[in-house]
Amino acid sequence: MPSIRKLSKDLGISIITIKRAYDDLEKEGYISTVPGKGSYITAQNNEMVKENQVKIVEDKLFEAVIAAKSIKLSRGELIDMLLVLYEA
């Protein structure tokens, strides 16, 4: 991956912002940083990737349930909508 300084210069973004982004990526397990050598993309565990994607789907479905309840959409109607969308 590009160095923090290079990426900051190329994108015109603060070094602090880039550093935070790299730190977040490292915390999430997407990159690893070797002091004096740089940051590298890590091999992703397929199960971890799937788990992260399932969490995203759950969050979006939760938002859909809240929206459906706010307009008093029945559970059956929501499930019917989901089945139609899933088959599309």
Protein backbone atom coordinates (compact mmCIF):
# COMPACT_ATOMS: atom_id res chain seq x y z
CA MET A 1 0.00 0.00 0.00
CA PRO A 2 1.19 3.55 -0.53
CA SER A 3 2.86 5.25 2.38
CA ILE A 4 0.73 7.55 4.52
CA ARG A 5 2.68 10.60 3.34
CA LYS A 6 2.42 9.67 -0.36
CA LEU A 7 -1.30 8.94 -0.16
CA SER A 8 -1.86 12.18 1.75
CA LYS A 9 -0.04 14.16 -0.93
CA ASP A 10 -1.71 12.34 -3.85
CA LEU A 11 -5.23 12.80 -2.44
CA GLY A 12 -4.69 16.19 -0.81
CA ILE A 13 -5.93 14.84 2.52
CA SER A 14 -4.43 15.40 5.95
CA ILE A 15 -1.79 12.91 7.08
CA ILE A 16 -3.75 12.54 10.32
CA THR A 17 -6.87 11.49 8.40
CA ILE A 18 -4.93 8.93 6.36
CA LYS A 19 -3.26 7.59 9.53
CA ARG A 20 -6.68 7.14 11.17
CA ALA A 21 -7.97 5.30 8.09
CA TYR A 22 -4.94 2.99 8.08
CA ASP A 23 -5.38 2.38 11.83
CA ASP A 24 -9.06 1.49 11.28
CA LEU A 25 -8.16 -0.88 8.44
CA GLU A 26 -5.57 -2.54 10.66
CA LYS A 27 -8.07 -2.88 13.54
CA GLU A 28 -10.54 -4.53 11.17
CA GLY A 29 -7.86 -6.95 10.01
CA TYR A 30 -7.67 -5.73 6.40
CA ILE A 31 -4.05 -4.56 6.57
CA SER A 32 -1.00 -5.15 8.70
CA THR A 33 1.71 -2.58 9.30
CA VAL A 34 5.37 -3.40 9.71
CA PRO A 35 7.29 -0.49 11.27
CA GLY A 36 9.85 0.83 8.82
CA LYS A 37 8.52 -1.38 6.00
CA GLY A 38 4.98 -0.16 5.36
CA SER A 39 1.44 -1.46 5.32
CA TYR A 40 0.31 -4.57 3.51
CA ILE A 41 -3.06 -6.03 2.65
CA THR A 42 -3.67 -9.16 4.72
CA ALA A 43 -5.06 -12.40 3.41
CA GLN A 44 -8.69 -12.37 4.47
CA ASN A 45 -10.28 -15.25 6.27
CA ASN A 46 -13.33 -16.10 4.12
CA GLU A 47 -15.44 -16.76 7.21
CA MET A 48 -14.56 -13.35 8.66
CA VAL A 49 -15.43 -11.64 5.36
CA LYS A 50 -18.78 -13.45 5.24
CA GLU A 51 -19.49 -12.56 8.87
CA ASN A 52 -18.87 -8.87 8.13
CA GLN A 53 -21.17 -9.01 5.11
CA VAL A 54 -23.90 -10.79 7.10
CA LYS A 55 -23.69 -8.01 9.70
CA ILE A 56 -24.24 -5.41 6.97
CA VAL A 57 -27.31 -7.32 5.71
CA GLU A 58 -28.67 -7.60 9.26
CA ASP A 59 -28.26 -3.85 9.79
CA LYS A 60 -30.09 -3.05 6.56
CA LEU A 61 -32.88 -5.51 7.34
CA PHE A 62 -33.26 -3.94 10.78
CA GLU A 63 -33.65 -0.53 9.13
CA ALA A 64 -36.28 -2.03 6.80
CA VAL A 65 -38.20 -3.49 9.77
CA ILE A 66 -38.18 -0.13 11.55
CA ALA A 67 -39.42 1.61 8.37
CA ALA A 68 -42.13 -1.04 7.86
CA LYS A 69 -43.35 -0.70 11.44
CA SER A 70 -43.44 3.09 11.12
CA ILE A 71 -46.00 2.78 8.31
CA LYS A 72 -47.81 -0.09 10.01
CA LEU A 73 -46.85 -2.62 7.34
CA SER A 74 -47.72 -6.10 8.57
CA ARG A 75 -45.09 -8.75 9.12
CA GLY A 76 -46.62 -10.82 6.31
CA GLU A 77 -46.51 -7.89 3.89
CA LEU A 78 -42.87 -7.26 4.74
CA ILE A 79 -41.99 -10.93 4.26
CA ASP A 80 -43.87 -10.97 0.93
CA MET A 81 -41.89 -7.91 -0.21
CA LEU A 82 -38.63 -9.55 0.81
CA LEU A 83 -39.48 -12.75 -1.07
CA VAL A 84 -40.36 -10.81 -4.23
CA LEU A 85 -37.13 -8.81 -4.01
CA TYR A 86 -35.07 -11.91 -3.30
CA GLU A 87 -36.46 -13.69 -6.36
CA ALA A 88 -35.92 -10.68 -8.64
